[in-house]
């Protein structure tokens, strides 16, 4: 499904650019040796079943939280909330690309 993969890449780039003023580019998943990684996921269920998973190195997660909340995050929980919200925004936009009907879970 190359068209779906291209659509997902465009969604990720758009969310980072428009909402966070950050540039996203495809890369391999963060490796275990590169430091702490935060993960958030949102399940999509309905005509299509799957999950959007965001793995984010801690430094990028902090930058994302700062851009999202308009200042440095107060604590790790605020960083985790930002990554959960990021996964939710991406999943919501990916859902539009999929056959319906479908629904999203809360971020985990």
Protein backbone atom coordinates (compact mmCIF):
# COMPACT_ATOMS: atom_id res chain seq x y z
CA UNK A 1 0.00 0.00 0.00
CA UNK A 2 2.50 2.64 -1.16
CA UNK A 3 -0.21 5.30 -1.46
CA UNK A 4 -1.18 4.82 2.20
CA UNK A 5 2.47 4.96 3.28
CA UNK A 6 2.94 8.21 1.34
CA UNK A 7 -0.24 9.62 2.90
CA UNK A 8 0.93 8.73 6.40
CA UNK A 9 4.32 10.35 5.77
CA UNK A 10 2.54 13.50 4.56
CA UNK A 11 0.33 13.52 7.68
CA UNK A 12 3.34 13.26 10.00
CA UNK A 13 5.22 16.01 8.15
CA UNK A 14 2.14 18.24 8.21
CA UNK A 15 1.44 17.77 11.94
CA UNK A 16 5.04 18.55 12.87
CA UNK A 17 5.27 21.54 10.51
CA UNK A 18 1.90 23.19 11.06
CA UNK A 19 1.27 22.53 14.73
CA UNK A 20 4.78 22.37 16.14
CA UNK A 21 6.86 24.37 13.64
CA UNK A 22 9.28 21.42 13.49
CA UNK A 23 10.50 19.54 10.43
CA UNK A 24 9.90 15.78 10.38
CA UNK A 25 11.74 13.39 8.15
CA UNK A 26 11.57 9.61 7.80
CA UNK A 27 14.17 7.66 9.75
CA UNK A 28 14.62 4.23 11.28
CA UNK A 29 13.05 3.72 14.70
CA UNK A 30 15.13 5.06 17.56
CA UNK A 31 17.55 2.42 18.74
CA UNK A 32 17.74 1.28 22.34
CA UNK A 33 21.29 2.61 22.59
CA UNK A 34 20.37 6.18 21.65
CA UNK A 35 18.92 7.10 25.04
CA UNK A 36 15.43 7.11 26.50
CA UNK A 37 12.52 6.85 24.08
CA UNK A 38 8.95 7.85 24.86
CA UNK A 39 6.15 5.92 23.15
CA UNK A 40 2.51 6.78 22.64
CA UNK A 41 -0.07 4.82 20.71
CA UNK A 42 -3.62 5.22 19.46
CA UNK A 43 -5.63 2.24 18.21
CA UNK A 44 -7.79 2.60 15.12
CA UNK A 45 -10.70 0.18 14.93
CA UNK A 46 -13.49 -0.30 12.43
CA UNK A 47 -13.28 -1.16 8.75
CA UNK A 48 -9.49 -1.04 9.13
CA UNK A 49 -7.75 -2.30 12.25
CA UNK A 50 -4.38 -0.97 13.34
CA UNK A 51 -2.42 1.32 15.59
CA UNK A 52 -0.50 4.55 15.25
CA UNK A 53 2.65 4.35 17.35
CA UNK A 54 4.91 7.33 17.96
CA UNK A 55 8.40 6.56 19.26
CA UNK A 56 10.19 9.72 20.20
CA UNK A 57 13.70 10.20 21.60
CA UNK A 58 13.48 12.09 24.88
CA UNK A 59 15.14 15.25 23.53
CA UNK A 60 12.68 15.45 20.63
CA UNK A 61 9.83 14.71 23.03
CA UNK A 62 10.90 17.68 25.18
CA UNK A 63 11.15 19.93 22.11
CA UNK A 64 7.70 18.75 21.01
CA UNK A 65 6.23 19.50 24.44
CA UNK A 66 7.84 22.94 24.48
CA UNK A 67 6.43 23.75 21.04
CA UNK A 68 3.00 22.35 21.91
CA UNK A 69 2.60 24.01 25.32
CA UNK A 70 4.49 27.24 24.53
CA UNK A 71 7.34 26.77 27.01
CA UNK A 72 9.57 24.22 28.66
CA UNK A 73 7.61 21.29 30.12
CA UNK A 74 7.21 21.30 33.90
CA UNK A 75 7.81 17.57 34.30
CA UNK A 76 8.00 14.24 32.51
CA UNK A 77 4.21 13.80 32.74
CA UNK A 78 3.71 16.94 30.65
CA UNK A 79 6.19 15.58 28.08
CA UNK A 80 4.30 12.26 28.00
CA UNK A 81 1.00 14.13 27.55
CA UNK A 82 2.46 16.00 24.58
CA UNK A 83 3.58 12.78 22.89
CA UNK A 84 0.15 11.25 23.53
CA UNK A 85 -1.51 14.27 21.97
CA UNK A 86 0.91 14.09 19.03
CA UNK A 87 -0.05 10.44 18.45
CA UNK A 88 -3.73 11.42 18.69
CA UNK A 89 -3.35 14.21 16.11
CA UNK A 90 -1.49 11.93 13.71
CA UNK A 91 -4.04 9.11 14.18
CA UNK A 92 -6.94 11.49 13.59
CA UNK A 93 -5.45 12.58 10.29
CA UNK A 94 -4.50 9.03 9.28
CA UNK A 95 -8.08 7.91 9.99
CA UNK A 96 -9.24 10.15 7.12
CA UNK A 97 -7.06 8.12 4.73
CA UNK A 98 -8.63 4.81 5.75
CA UNK A 99 -11.88 3.13 4.77
CA UNK A 100 -14.62 4.01 7.24
CA UNK A 101 -16.23 3.88 9.54
CA UNK A 102 -13.54 3.83 12.17
CA UNK A 103 -12.87 5.19 15.63
CA UNK A 104 -9.83 6.07 17.72
CA UNK A 105 -8.91 4.95 21.20
CA UNK A 106 -7.54 7.34 23.78
CA UNK A 107 -3.75 7.72 23.60
CA UNK A 108 -1.79 5.27 25.71
